């Protein structure tokens, strides 16, 4: 959860039997008040070439 109450989400495309959480991972910011998702850039561009379970996030006390 971000300091403004929004939630940062890391998602992968649909799964299949051979690869349950395939890459790439894309990021969205969810606003619980308006119930909307806004695309956010990945650290390396539009998406990361990893599965979503590999996206590790840490909330810092400075909110950065």
N, C-alpha and C. Protein backbone atom coordinates (compact mmCIF):
# COMPACT_ATOMS: atom_id res chain seq x y z
N UNK A 1 0.84 -1.16 0.00
CA UNK A 1 0.00 0.00 0.00
C UNK A 1 0.89 1.23 0.00
N UNK A 2 0.50 2.21 -0.81
CA UNK A 2 1.24 3.46 -0.91
C UNK A 2 0.69 4.45 0.12
N UNK A 3 1.43 5.52 0.39
CA UNK A 3 1.02 6.48 1.42
C UNK A 3 -0.30 7.17 1.09
N UNK A 4 -0.67 7.24 -0.19
CA UNK A 4 -1.93 7.87 -0.57
C UNK A 4 -3.12 6.92 -0.53
N UNK A 5 -2.89 5.68 -0.08
CA UNK A 5 -3.96 4.69 0.01
C UNK A 5 -4.11 3.84 -1.22
N UNK A 6 -3.36 4.13 -2.27
CA UNK A 6 -3.40 3.32 -3.48
C UNK A 6 -2.58 2.05 -3.27
N UNK A 7 -2.78 1.07 -4.14
CA UNK A 7 -2.07 -0.21 -4.04
C UNK A 7 -1.31 -0.45 -5.33
N UNK A 8 -0.01 -0.74 -5.23
CA UNK A 8 0.80 -1.06 -6.40
C UNK A 8 0.73 -2.56 -6.64
N UNK A 9 0.33 -2.95 -7.85
CA UNK A 9 0.13 -4.36 -8.20
C UNK A 9 1.11 -4.77 -9.30
N UNK A 10 1.65 -5.98 -9.18
CA UNK A 10 2.49 -6.58 -10.21
C UNK A 10 1.73 -7.79 -10.75
N UNK A 11 1.46 -7.80 -12.06
CA UNK A 11 0.64 -8.86 -12.65
C UNK A 11 1.32 -9.47 -13.86
N UNK A 12 1.03 -10.76 -14.07
CA UNK A 12 1.52 -11.49 -15.24
C UNK A 12 0.34 -11.82 -16.14
N UNK A 13 0.61 -12.12 -17.43
CA UNK A 13 -0.48 -12.54 -18.30
C UNK A 13 -1.06 -13.88 -17.86
N UNK A 14 -2.13 -14.29 -18.49
CA UNK A 14 -2.80 -15.55 -18.15
C UNK A 14 -1.86 -16.73 -18.10
N UNK A 15 -2.16 -17.67 -17.23
CA UNK A 15 -1.29 -18.82 -17.02
C UNK A 15 -1.68 -19.99 -17.92
N UNK A 16 -0.78 -20.95 -18.00
CA UNK A 16 -1.06 -22.21 -18.68
C UNK A 16 -0.45 -23.33 -17.85
N UNK A 17 -0.59 -24.55 -18.29
CA UNK A 17 -0.12 -25.69 -17.51
C UNK A 17 1.40 -25.68 -17.36
N UNK A 18 2.12 -25.33 -18.41
CA UNK A 18 3.57 -25.39 -18.37
C UNK A 18 4.22 -24.25 -17.62
N UNK A 19 3.57 -23.10 -17.58
CA UNK A 19 4.15 -21.92 -16.93
C UNK A 19 3.03 -21.17 -16.22
N UNK A 20 2.87 -21.37 -14.91
CA UNK A 20 1.73 -20.80 -14.21
C UNK A 20 1.71 -19.28 -14.13
N UNK A 21 2.85 -18.64 -14.08
CA UNK A 21 2.91 -17.17 -14.02
C UNK A 21 3.96 -16.67 -15.02
N UNK A 22 3.63 -16.64 -16.30
CA UNK A 22 4.63 -16.28 -17.32
C UNK A 22 5.00 -14.80 -17.27
N UNK A 23 6.14 -14.49 -17.87
CA UNK A 23 6.55 -13.10 -18.02
C UNK A 23 5.89 -12.54 -19.28
N UNK A 24 5.82 -11.27 -19.49
CA UNK A 24 6.39 -10.21 -18.68
C UNK A 24 5.44 -9.79 -17.55
N UNK A 25 6.00 -9.10 -16.57
CA UNK A 25 5.21 -8.54 -15.48
C UNK A 25 4.95 -7.07 -15.77
N UNK A 26 3.72 -6.66 -15.64
CA UNK A 26 3.36 -5.25 -15.78
C UNK A 26 2.83 -4.75 -14.44
N UNK A 27 2.90 -3.45 -14.25
CA UNK A 27 2.54 -2.84 -12.97
C UNK A 27 1.36 -1.91 -13.14
N UNK A 28 0.48 -1.93 -12.13
CA UNK A 28 -0.70 -1.07 -12.10
C UNK A 28 -0.85 -0.48 -10.71
N UNK A 29 -1.38 0.74 -10.65
CA UNK A 29 -1.71 1.36 -9.38
C UNK A 29 -3.23 1.33 -9.24
N UNK A 30 -3.71 0.72 -8.17
CA UNK A 30 -5.14 0.59 -7.92
C UNK A 30 -5.58 1.68 -6.96
N UNK A 31 -6.64 2.40 -7.32
CA UNK A 31 -7.24 3.43 -6.47
C UNK A 31 -8.52 2.84 -5.89
N UNK A 32 -8.55 2.52 -4.59
CA UNK A 32 -9.73 1.88 -4.01
C UNK A 32 -10.95 2.80 -3.93
N UNK A 33 -10.74 4.10 -3.99
CA UNK A 33 -11.87 5.03 -3.93
C UNK A 33 -12.63 5.03 -5.25
N UNK A 34 -11.91 5.13 -6.37
CA UNK A 34 -12.56 5.18 -7.68
C UNK A 34 -12.66 3.80 -8.34
N UNK A 35 -12.05 2.79 -7.69
CA UNK A 35 -12.05 1.41 -8.22
C UNK A 35 -11.44 1.35 -9.63
N UNK A 36 -10.32 2.07 -9.84
CA UNK A 36 -9.66 2.10 -11.14
C UNK A 36 -8.22 1.63 -11.03
N UNK A 37 -7.71 1.09 -12.14
CA UNK A 37 -6.32 0.67 -12.26
C UNK A 37 -5.64 1.58 -13.27
N UNK A 38 -4.46 2.10 -12.92
CA UNK A 38 -3.69 2.96 -13.81
C UNK A 38 -2.36 2.27 -14.11
N UNK A 39 -2.01 2.10 -15.40
CA UNK A 39 -0.72 1.48 -15.73
C UNK A 39 0.44 2.32 -15.20
N UNK A 40 1.44 1.65 -14.65
CA UNK A 40 2.64 2.30 -14.14
C UNK A 40 3.85 1.72 -14.85
N UNK A 41 4.89 2.52 -15.07
CA UNK A 41 6.09 1.98 -15.72
C UNK A 41 6.84 1.03 -14.80
N UNK A 42 7.45 0.04 -15.39
CA UNK A 42 8.31 -0.89 -14.64
C UNK A 42 9.66 -0.21 -14.40
N UNK A 43 10.46 -0.72 -13.48
CA UNK A 43 11.78 -0.12 -13.26
C UNK A 43 12.65 -0.08 -14.51
N UNK A 44 12.43 -1.04 -15.44
CA UNK A 44 13.25 -1.11 -16.65
C UNK A 44 12.50 -0.75 -17.92
N UNK A 45 11.36 -0.10 -17.83
CA UNK A 45 10.59 0.25 -19.02
C UNK A 45 9.11 -0.04 -18.82
N UNK A 46 8.44 -0.45 -19.89
CA UNK A 46 7.00 -0.69 -19.83
C UNK A 46 6.65 -1.93 -19.03
N UNK A 47 7.51 -2.95 -19.06
CA UNK A 47 7.27 -4.20 -18.30
C UNK A 47 8.62 -4.81 -17.94
N UNK A 48 8.59 -5.76 -17.00
CA UNK A 48 9.80 -6.48 -16.61
C UNK A 48 9.75 -7.89 -17.17
N UNK A 49 10.87 -8.43 -17.63
CA UNK A 49 10.88 -9.78 -18.19
C UNK A 49 10.96 -10.87 -17.12
N UNK A 50 10.14 -10.74 -16.09
CA UNK A 50 10.12 -11.72 -14.99
C UNK A 50 8.68 -12.14 -14.73
N UNK A 51 8.51 -13.24 -14.01
CA UNK A 51 7.18 -13.64 -13.56
C UNK A 51 6.76 -12.74 -12.40
N UNK A 52 5.46 -12.54 -12.21
CA UNK A 52 5.00 -11.60 -11.20
C UNK A 52 5.42 -11.99 -9.79
N UNK A 53 5.56 -13.28 -9.51
CA UNK A 53 5.96 -13.68 -8.15
C UNK A 53 7.40 -13.29 -7.84
N UNK A 54 8.17 -12.93 -8.86
CA UNK A 54 9.55 -12.50 -8.65
C UNK A 54 9.66 -11.01 -8.39
N UNK A 55 8.57 -10.26 -8.51
CA UNK A 55 8.58 -8.82 -8.27
C UNK A 55 8.48 -8.58 -6.76
N UNK A 56 9.59 -8.21 -6.16
CA UNK A 56 9.64 -7.99 -4.72
C UNK A 56 9.59 -6.48 -4.47
N UNK A 57 8.67 -6.06 -3.60
CA UNK A 57 8.51 -4.64 -3.30
C UNK A 57 8.70 -4.42 -1.81
N UNK A 58 9.23 -3.25 -1.48
CA UNK A 58 9.46 -2.89 -0.09
C UNK A 58 8.98 -1.47 0.12
N UNK A 59 8.10 -1.26 1.07
CA UNK A 59 7.63 0.09 1.41
C UNK A 59 8.65 0.73 2.36
N UNK A 60 9.23 1.83 1.93
CA UNK A 60 10.21 2.53 2.74
C UNK A 60 9.53 3.58 3.61
N UNK A 61 10.08 3.89 4.78
CA UNK A 61 9.45 4.88 5.66
C UNK A 61 9.35 6.26 5.03
N UNK A 62 10.22 6.56 4.05
CA UNK A 62 10.17 7.85 3.39
C UNK A 62 9.19 7.87 2.24
N UNK A 63 8.52 6.74 1.99
CA UNK A 63 7.53 6.59 0.91
C UNK A 63 8.15 6.75 -0.47
N UNK A 64 9.41 6.37 -0.61
CA UNK A 64 10.07 6.43 -1.91
C UNK A 64 10.20 5.07 -2.49
